[in-house]
């Protein structure tokens, strides 16, 4: 099987490809590069980090309203 050109895939297509081809480390790393480059996107590793980020965003929204 030939590997797709990751740069030609949409983010959604690449995400699906990575989901069904977890052994393809190059595809996964390329996907991470795309995700990390998006402004405002935060990646959390634990529920505690997620909760803290959510509280921070709620507080920011409350001060801007």
PDB file of N, CA and C in Angstrom:
ATOM      1  N   UNK A   1       0.841  -1.181   0.000  1.00  0.00           N
ATOM      2  CA  UNK A   1       0.000   0.000   0.000  1.00  0.00           C
ATOM      3  C   UNK A   1       0.888   1.248   0.000  1.00  0.00           C
ATOM      4  N   UNK A   2       0.544   2.208  -0.814  1.00  0.00           N
ATOM      5  CA  UNK A   2       1.310   3.447  -0.860  1.00  0.00           C
ATOM      6  C   UNK A   2       0.769   4.414   0.180  1.00  0.00           C
ATOM      7  N   UNK A   3       1.666   5.211   0.726  1.00  0.00           N
ATOM      8  CA  UNK A   3       1.254   6.195   1.710  1.00  0.00           C
ATOM      9  C   UNK A   3       0.755   7.444   0.990  1.00  0.00           C
ATOM     10  N   UNK A   4      -0.287   8.064   1.526  1.00  0.00           N
ATOM     11  CA  UNK A   4      -0.807   9.273   0.895  1.00  0.00           C
ATOM     12  C   UNK A   4       0.132  10.454   1.105  1.00  0.00           C
ATOM     13  N   UNK A   5      -0.010  11.450   0.267  1.00  0.00           N
ATOM     14  CA  UNK A   5       0.716  12.703   0.460  1.00  0.00           C
ATOM     15  C   UNK A   5      -0.067  13.484   1.510  1.00  0.00           C
ATOM     16  N   UNK A   6       0.453  13.548   2.718  1.00  0.00           N
ATOM     17  CA  UNK A   6      -0.265  14.156   3.840  1.00  0.00           C
ATOM     18  C   UNK A   6      -0.635  15.609   3.579  1.00  0.00           C
ATOM     19  N   UNK A   7       0.203  16.312   2.843  1.00  0.00           N
ATOM     20  CA  UNK A   7      -0.048  17.727   2.577  1.00  0.00           C
ATOM     21  C   UNK A   7      -1.259  17.957   1.690  1.00  0.00           C
ATOM     22  N   UNK A   8      -1.678  16.936   0.957  1.00  0.00           N
ATOM     23  CA  UNK A   8      -2.846  17.069   0.081  1.00  0.00           C
ATOM     24  C   UNK A   8      -4.162  16.734   0.783  1.00  0.00           C
ATOM     25  N   UNK A   9      -4.074  16.150   1.976  1.00  0.00           N
ATOM     26  CA  UNK A   9      -5.274  15.764   2.714  1.00  0.00           C
ATOM     27  C   UNK A   9      -5.794  16.945   3.523  1.00  0.00           C
ATOM     28  N   UNK A  10      -7.104  17.000   3.683  1.00  0.00           N
ATOM     29  CA  UNK A  10      -7.673  17.982   4.601  1.00  0.00           C
ATOM     30  C   UNK A  10      -7.359  17.526   6.028  1.00  0.00           C
ATOM     31  N   UNK A  11      -7.545  18.404   6.976  1.00  0.00           N
ATOM     32  CA  UNK A  11      -7.290  18.025   8.370  1.00  0.00           C
ATOM     33  C   UNK A  11      -8.175  16.846   8.771  1.00  0.00           C
ATOM     34  N   UNK A  12      -9.440  16.885   8.368  1.00  0.00           N
ATOM     35  CA  UNK A  12     -10.365  15.796   8.711  1.00  0.00           C
ATOM     36  C   UNK A  12      -9.929  14.476   8.063  1.00  0.00           C
ATOM     37  N   UNK A  13      -9.497  14.534   6.814  1.00  0.00           N
ATOM     38  CA  UNK A  13      -9.038  13.322   6.126  1.00  0.00           C
ATOM     39  C   UNK A  13      -7.785  12.764   6.798  1.00  0.00           C
ATOM     40  N   UNK A  14      -6.878  13.653   7.161  1.00  0.00           N
ATOM     41  CA  UNK A  14      -5.652  13.216   7.825  1.00  0.00           C
ATOM     42  C   UNK A  14      -5.961  12.610   9.193  1.00  0.00           C
ATOM     43  N   UNK A  15      -6.879  13.226   9.935  1.00  0.00           N
ATOM     44  CA  UNK A  15      -7.274  12.691  11.242  1.00  0.00           C
ATOM     45  C   UNK A  15      -7.828  11.272  11.085  1.00  0.00           C
ATOM     46  N   UNK A  16      -8.676  11.075  10.099  1.00  0.00           N
ATOM     47  CA  UNK A  16      -9.239   9.739   9.856  1.00  0.00           C
ATOM     48  C   UNK A  16      -8.145   8.755   9.459  1.00  0.00           C
ATOM     49  N   UNK A  17      -7.241   9.190   8.597  1.00  0.00           N
ATOM     50  CA  UNK A  17      -6.142   8.320   8.183  1.00  0.00           C
ATOM     51  C   UNK A  17      -5.323   7.888   9.403  1.00  0.00           C
ATOM     52  N   UNK A  18      -4.990   8.854  10.261  1.00  0.00           N
ATOM     53  CA  UNK A  18      -4.206   8.545  11.468  1.00  0.00           C
ATOM     54  C   UNK A  18      -4.976   7.600  12.382  1.00  0.00           C
ATOM     55  N   UNK A  19      -6.267   7.825  12.487  1.00  0.00           N
ATOM     56  CA  UNK A  19      -7.102   6.951  13.329  1.00  0.00           C
ATOM     57  C   UNK A  19      -7.037   5.497  12.876  1.00  0.00           C
ATOM     58  N   UNK A  20      -7.085   5.284  11.572  1.00  0.00           N
ATOM     59  CA  UNK A  20      -7.124   3.923  11.042  1.00  0.00           C
ATOM     60  C   UNK A  20      -5.750   3.361  10.691  1.00  0.00           C
ATOM     61  N   UNK A  21      -4.718   4.182  10.845  1.00  0.00           N
ATOM     62  CA  UNK A  21      -3.349   3.745  10.571  1.00  0.00           C
ATOM     63  C   UNK A  21      -2.417   4.202  11.699  1.00  0.00           C
ATOM     64  N   UNK A  22      -2.663   3.749  12.920  1.00  0.00           N
ATOM     65  CA  UNK A  22      -1.890   4.240  14.066  1.00  0.00           C
ATOM     66  C   UNK A  22      -0.403   3.914  13.984  1.00  0.00           C
ATOM     67  N   UNK A  23      -0.028   2.979  13.153  1.00  0.00           N
ATOM     68  CA  UNK A  23       1.381   2.623  13.006  1.00  0.00           C
ATOM     69  C   UNK A  23       2.153   3.632  12.153  1.00  0.00           C
ATOM     70  N   UNK A  24       1.458   4.532  11.451  1.00  0.00           N
ATOM     71  CA  UNK A  24       2.112   5.503  10.572  1.00  0.00           C
ATOM     72  C   UNK A  24       2.539   6.733  11.397  1.00  0.00           C
ATOM     73  N   UNK A  25       3.736   6.649  11.945  1.00  0.00           N
ATOM     74  CA  UNK A  25       4.254   7.708  12.824  1.00  0.00           C
ATOM     75  C   UNK A  25       4.430   9.031  12.076  1.00  0.00           C
ATOM     76  N   UNK A  26       4.834   8.968  10.816  1.00  0.00           N
ATOM     77  CA  UNK A  26       5.014  10.198  10.030  1.00  0.00           C
ATOM     78  C   UNK A  26       3.695  10.949   9.882  1.00  0.00           C
ATOM     79  N   UNK A  27       2.626  10.220   9.611  1.00  0.00           N
ATOM     80  CA  UNK A  27       1.303  10.841   9.468  1.00  0.00           C
ATOM     81  C   UNK A  27       0.874  11.459  10.793  1.00  0.00           C
ATOM     82  N   UNK A  28       1.096  10.743  11.881  1.00  0.00           N
ATOM     83  CA  UNK A  28       0.720  11.244  13.193  1.00  0.00           C
ATOM     84  C   UNK A  28       1.486  12.521  13.524  1.00  0.00           C
ATOM     85  N   UNK A  29       2.787  12.528  13.274  1.00  0.00           N
ATOM     86  CA  UNK A  29       3.591  13.713  13.567  1.00  0.00           C
ATOM     87  C   UNK A  29       3.175  14.899  12.704  1.00  0.00           C
ATOM     88  N   UNK A  30       2.839  14.652  11.451  1.00  0.00           N
ATOM     89  CA  UNK A  30       2.379  15.728  10.576  1.00  0.00           C
ATOM     90  C   UNK A  30       1.051  16.286  11.090  1.00  0.00           C
ATOM     91  N   UNK A  31       0.158  15.390  11.525  1.00  0.00           N
ATOM     92  CA  UNK A  31      -1.122  15.824  12.081  1.00  0.00           C
ATOM     93  C   UNK A  31      -0.900  16.684  13.331  1.00  0.00           C
ATOM     94  N   UNK A  32      -0.005  16.257  14.203  1.00  0.00           N
ATOM     95  CA  UNK A  32       0.291  17.048  15.407  1.00  0.00           C
ATOM     96  C   UNK A  32       0.823  18.427  15.044  1.00  0.00           C
ATOM     97  N   UNK A  33       1.640  18.508  14.014  1.00  0.00           N
ATOM     98  CA  UNK A  33       2.176  19.793  13.570  1.00  0.00           C
ATOM     99  C   UNK A  33       1.045  20.726  13.162  1.00  0.00           C
ATOM    100  N   UNK A  34       0.077  20.209  12.437  1.00  0.00           N
ATOM    101  CA  UNK A  34      -1.075  21.010  12.003  1.00  0.00           C
ATOM    102  C   UNK A  34      -1.890  21.469  13.203  1.00  0.00           C
ATOM    103  N   UNK A  35      -2.189  20.555  14.096  1.00  0.00           N
ATOM    104  CA  UNK A  35      -3.014  20.872  15.264  1.00  0.00           C
ATOM    105  C   UNK A  35      -2.330  21.904  16.153  1.00  0.00           C
ATOM    106  N   UNK A  36      -1.053  21.728  16.384  1.00  0.00           N
ATOM    107  CA  UNK A  36      -0.325  22.646  17.273  1.00  0.00           C
ATOM    108  C   UNK A  36      -0.153  24.038  16.668  1.00  0.00           C
ATOM    109  N   UNK A  37      -0.221  24.138  15.350  1.00  0.00           N
ATOM    110  CA  UNK A  37      -0.021  25.425  14.684  1.00  0.00           C
ATOM    111  C   UNK A  37      -1.266  26.303  14.689  1.00  0.00           C
ATOM    112  N   UNK A  38      -2.412  25.739  15.034  1.00  0.00           N
ATOM    113  CA  UNK A  38      -3.656  26.508  15.019  1.00  0.00           C
ATOM    114  C   UNK A  38      -3.710  27.456  16.211  1.00  0.00           C
ATOM    115  N   UNK A  39      -4.002  28.721  15.946  1.00  0.00           N
ATOM    116  CA  UNK A  39      -4.096  29.675  17.052  1.00  0.00           C
ATOM    117  C   UNK A  39      -5.305  29.370  17.944  1.00  0.00           C
ATOM    118  N   UNK A  40      -5.106  29.533  19.226  1.00  0.00           N
ATOM    119  CA  UNK A  40      -6.209  29.352  20.161  1.00  0.00           C
ATOM    120  C   UNK A  40      -6.514  27.916  20.516  1.00  0.00           C
ATOM    121  N   UNK A  41      -5.848  26.987  19.898  1.00  0.00           N
ATOM    122  CA  UNK A  41      -6.097  25.581  20.185  1.00  0.00           C
ATOM    123  C   UNK A  41      -5.199  25.156  21.324  1.00  0.00           C
ATOM    124  N   UNK A  42      -5.778  24.520  22.313  1.00  0.00           N
ATOM    125  CA  UNK A  42      -5.020  24.078  23.477  1.00  0.00           C
ATOM    126  C   UNK A  42      -5.160  22.572  23.597  1.00  0.00           C
ATOM    127  N   UNK A  43      -4.045  21.905  23.789  1.00  0.00           N
ATOM    128  CA  UNK A  43      -4.050  20.463  23.980  1.00  0.00           C
ATOM    129  C   UNK A  43      -3.803  20.200  25.453  1.00  0.00           C
ATOM    130  N   UNK A  44      -4.716  19.455  26.069  1.00  0.00           N
ATOM    131  CA  UNK A  44      -4.556  19.096  27.475  1.00  0.00           C
ATOM    132  C   UNK A  44      -4.309  17.600  27.573  1.00  0.00           C
ATOM    133  N   UNK A  45      -3.566  17.215  28.590  1.00  0.00           N
ATOM    134  CA  UNK A  45      -3.220  15.806  28.739  1.00  0.00           C
ATOM    135  C   UNK A  45      -4.026  15.115  29.838  1.00  0.00           C
ATOM    136  N   UNK A  46      -4.568  15.891  30.747  1.00  0.00           N
ATOM    137  CA  UNK A  46      -5.328  15.298  31.852  1.00  0.00           C
ATOM    138  C   UNK A  46      -6.655  16.035  32.006  1.00  0.00           C
ATOM    139  N   UNK A  47      -7.554  15.436  32.736  1.00  0.00           N
ATOM    140  CA  UNK A  47      -8.838  16.090  33.011  1.00  0.00           C
ATOM    141  C   UNK A  47      -8.629  17.353  33.840  1.00  0.00           C
ATOM    142  N   UNK A  48      -7.633  17.335  34.722  1.00  0.00           N
ATOM    143  CA  UNK A  48      -7.352  18.506  35.542  1.00  0.00           C
ATOM    144  C   UNK A  48      -6.902  19.681  34.678  1.00  0.00           C
ATOM    145  N   UNK A  49      -6.035  19.411  33.689  1.00  0.00           N
ATOM    146  CA  UNK A  49      -5.609  20.467  32.770  1.00  0.00           C
ATOM    147  C   UNK A  49      -6.800  20.997  31.966  1.00  0.00           C
ATOM    148  N   UNK A  50      -7.654  20.084  31.527  1.00  0.00           N
ATOM    149  CA  UNK A  50      -8.834  20.490  30.767  1.00  0.00           C
ATOM    150  C   UNK A  50      -9.733  21.378  31.618  1.00  0.00           C
ATOM    151  N   UNK A  51      -9.997  20.966  32.861  1.00  0.00           N
ATOM    152  CA  UNK A  51     -10.843  21.755  33.754  1.00  0.00           C
ATOM    153  C   UNK A  51     -10.256  23.140  34.013  1.00  0.00           C
ATOM    154  N   UNK A  52      -8.935  23.199  34.220  1.00  0.00           N
ATOM    155  CA  UNK A  52      -8.283  24.485  34.461  1.00  0.00           C
ATOM    156  C   UNK A  52      -8.399  25.387  33.233  1.00  0.00           C
ATOM    157  N   UNK A  53      -8.198  24.836  32.051  1.00  0.00           N
ATOM    158  CA  UNK A  53      -8.313  25.620  30.813  1.00  0.00           C
ATOM    159  C   UNK A  53      -9.747  26.101  30.616  1.00  0.00           C
ATOM    160  N   UNK A  54     -10.708  25.246  30.889  1.00  0.00           N
ATOM    161  CA  UNK A  54     -12.112  25.620  30.760  1.00  0.00           C
ATOM    162  C   UNK A  54     -12.474  26.748  31.720  1.00  0.00           C
ATOM    163  N   UNK A  55     -12.025  26.653  32.974  1.00  0.00           N
ATOM    164  CA  UNK A  55     -12.282  27.718  33.953  1.00  0.00           C
ATOM    165  C   UNK A  55     -11.650  29.028  33.510  1.00  0.00           C
ATOM    166  N   UNK A  56     -10.430  28.957  32.978  1.00  0.00           N
ATOM    167  CA  UNK A  56      -9.737  30.149  32.511  1.00  0.00           C
ATOM    168  C   UNK A  56     -10.513  30.817  31.373  1.00  0.00           C
ATOM    169  N   UNK A  57     -10.988  30.033  30.425  1.00  0.00           N
ATOM    170  CA  UNK A  57     -11.725  30.592  29.283  1.00  0.00           C
ATOM    171  C   UNK A  57     -13.072  31.170  29.718  1.00  0.00           C
ATOM    172  N   UNK A  58     -13.732  30.522  30.667  1.00  0.00           N
ATOM    173  CA  UNK A  58     -15.005  31.047  31.177  1.00  0.00           C
ATOM    174  C   UNK A  58     -14.765  32.375  31.860  1.00  0.00           C
ATOM    175  N   UNK A  59     -13.716  32.480  32.657  1.00  0.00           N
ATOM    176  CA  UNK A  59     -13.391  33.717  33.344  1.00  0.00           C
ATOM    177  C   UNK A  59     -13.067  34.828  32.352  1.00  0.00           C
ATOM    178  N   UNK A  60     -12.321  34.500  31.305  1.00  0.00           N
ATOM    179  CA  UNK A  60     -11.992  35.485  30.276  1.00  0.00           C
ATOM    180  C   UNK A  60     -13.256  35.978  29.566  1.00  0.00           C
ATOM    181  N   UNK A  61     -14.151  35.068  29.277  1.00  0.00           N
ATOM    182  CA  UNK A  61     -15.398  35.428  28.603  1.00  0.00           C
ATOM    183  C   UNK A  61     -16.247  36.335  29.493  1.00  0.00           C
ATOM    184  N   UNK A  62     -16.265  36.048  30.784  1.00  0.00           N
ATOM    185  CA  UNK A  62     -17.050  36.851  31.720  1.00  0.00           C
ATOM    186  C   UNK A  62     -16.515  38.284  31.805  1.00  0.00           C
ATOM    187  N   UNK A  63     -15.202  38.458  31.697  1.00  0.00           N
ATOM    188  CA  UNK A  63     -14.623  39.796  31.773  1.00  0.00           C
ATOM    189  C   UNK A  63     -14.812  40.569  30.483  1.00  0.00           C
ATOM    190  N   UNK A  64     -15.057  39.896  29.377  1.00  0.00           N
ATOM    191  CA  UNK A  64     -15.255  40.555  28.091  1.00  0.00           C
ATOM    192  C   UNK A  64     -16.723  40.818  27.795  1.00  0.00           C
ATOM    193  N   UNK A  65     -17.605  40.345  28.628  1.00  0.00           N
ATOM    194  CA  UNK A  65     -19.056  40.536  28.382  1.00  0.00           C
ATOM    195  C   UNK A  65     -19.572  41.819  28.969  1.00  0.00           C
TER     196      UNK A  65
END
